[in-house]
Amino acid sequence: MHTTSIVQAPSLTLASGVAIPDSKMVREVTELVRDTENSLLFNHSSRVYYFAAASGKRKGLT
């Protein structure tokens, strides 16, 4: 039987209580987007994540 464990990566927590994950995958995707897209798209995507995470936290989904 194969089991998969999830390792909790360290994260940064904003004042809103939203945690920004810090894992190898997150860092690689961030680097990819920053290298291939303009800052407008990166910043927009970041705001969408923060807003959705804060909304989910407020609704008790996290």
C-alpha atoms as a PDB file:
ATOM      1  CA  MET A   1       0.000   0.000   0.000  1.00  0.00           C
ATOM      2  CA  HIS A   2       1.389   3.371  -1.028  1.00  0.00           C
ATOM      3  CA  THR A   3       0.692   6.359   1.177  1.00  0.00           C
ATOM      4  CA  THR A   4       1.495   9.944   0.421  1.00  0.00           C
ATOM      5  CA  SER A   5       2.393  12.355   3.147  1.00  0.00           C
ATOM      6  CA  ILE A   6       1.965  16.066   2.826  1.00  0.00           C
ATOM      7  CA  VAL A   7       4.822  18.080   4.236  1.00  0.00           C
ATOM      8  CA  GLN A   8       3.793  21.441   5.590  1.00  0.00           C
ATOM      9  CA  ALA A   9       6.078  24.070   4.109  1.00  0.00           C
ATOM     10  CA  PRO A  10       6.837  27.253   6.004  1.00  0.00           C
ATOM     11  CA  SER A  11       4.714  30.191   4.996  1.00  0.00           C
ATOM     12  CA  LEU A  12       4.406  33.923   5.400  1.00  0.00           C
ATOM     13  CA  THR A  13       1.224  35.095   7.107  1.00  0.00           C
ATOM     14  CA  LEU A  14      -0.206  38.480   6.193  1.00  0.00           C
ATOM     15  CA  ALA A  15      -2.000  40.775   8.638  1.00  0.00           C
ATOM     16  CA  SER A  16      -5.300  39.461   7.243  1.00  0.00           C
ATOM     17  CA  GLY A  17      -4.343  35.991   8.455  1.00  0.00           C
ATOM     18  CA  VAL A  18      -3.818  34.719   4.915  1.00  0.00           C
ATOM     19  CA  ALA A  19      -0.828  32.406   4.652  1.00  0.00           C
ATOM     20  CA  ILE A  20       1.346  32.595   1.566  1.00  0.00           C
ATOM     21  CA  PRO A  21       2.761  29.118   0.982  1.00  0.00           C
ATOM     22  CA  ASP A  22       6.511  28.735   0.624  1.00  0.00           C
ATOM     23  CA  SER A  23       7.381  25.531  -1.158  1.00  0.00           C
ATOM     24  CA  LYS A  24       9.647  24.578  -4.021  1.00  0.00           C
ATOM     25  CA  MET A  25       6.680  24.402  -6.389  1.00  0.00           C
ATOM     26  CA  VAL A  26       5.405  27.856  -5.379  1.00  0.00           C
ATOM     27  CA  ARG A  27       8.861  29.383  -5.826  1.00  0.00           C
ATOM     28  CA  GLU A  28       9.283  27.720  -9.252  1.00  0.00           C
ATOM     29  CA  VAL A  29       5.871  28.864 -10.485  1.00  0.00           C
ATOM     30  CA  THR A  30       6.500  32.383  -9.182  1.00  0.00           C
ATOM     31  CA  GLU A  31       9.822  32.483 -11.008  1.00  0.00           C
ATOM     32  CA  LEU A  32       8.233  31.155 -14.212  1.00  0.00           C
ATOM     33  CA  VAL A  33       5.463  33.759 -14.191  1.00  0.00           C
ATOM     34  CA  ARG A  34       7.856  36.597 -13.353  1.00  0.00           C
ATOM     35  CA  ASP A  35      10.210  35.480 -16.155  1.00  0.00           C
ATOM     36  CA  THR A  36       7.555  35.018 -18.838  1.00  0.00           C
ATOM     37  CA  GLU A  37       4.830  37.562 -18.060  1.00  0.00           C
ATOM     38  CA  ASN A  38       4.770  41.239 -17.257  1.00  0.00           C
ATOM     39  CA  SER A  39       4.467  42.571 -13.716  1.00  0.00           C
ATOM     40  CA  LEU A  40       0.861  43.644 -14.324  1.00  0.00           C
ATOM     41  CA  LEU A  41      -0.252  40.013 -14.722  1.00  0.00           C
ATOM     42  CA  PHE A  42       1.864  38.792 -11.800  1.00  0.00           C
ATOM     43  CA  ASN A  43       0.525  41.489  -9.474  1.00  0.00           C
ATOM     44  CA  HIS A  44      -3.059  40.882 -10.606  1.00  0.00           C
ATOM     45  CA  SER A  45      -2.702  37.143  -9.987  1.00  0.00           C
ATOM     46  CA  SER A  46      -1.269  37.805  -6.535  1.00  0.00           C
ATOM     47  CA  ARG A  47      -4.166  40.104  -5.636  1.00  0.00           C
ATOM     48  CA  VAL A  48      -6.677  37.489  -6.821  1.00  0.00           C
ATOM     49  CA  TYR A  49      -5.021  34.878  -4.579  1.00  0.00           C
ATOM     50  CA  TYR A  50      -4.969  37.201  -1.535  1.00  0.00           C
ATOM     51  CA  PHE A  51      -8.584  38.264  -2.025  1.00  0.00           C
ATOM     52  CA  ALA A  52      -9.857  34.706  -2.531  1.00  0.00           C
ATOM     53  CA  ALA A  53      -7.858  33.365   0.417  1.00  0.00           C
ATOM     54  CA  ALA A  54      -9.089  36.165   2.704  1.00  0.00           C
ATOM     55  CA  SER A  55     -12.670  35.621   1.540  1.00  0.00           C
ATOM     56  CA  GLY A  56     -12.404  31.877   2.154  1.00  0.00           C
ATOM     57  CA  LYS A  57     -10.916  32.470   5.596  1.00  0.00           C
ATOM     58  CA  ARG A  58     -13.717  34.897   6.471  1.00  0.00           C
ATOM     59  CA  LYS A  59     -16.282  32.290   5.388  1.00  0.00           C
ATOM     60  CA  GLY A  60     -14.579  29.596   7.452  1.00  0.00           C
ATOM     61  CA  LEU A  61     -13.390  27.601   4.452  1.00  0.00           C
ATOM     62  CA  THR A  62      -9.748  27.448   5.504  1.00  0.00           C
END
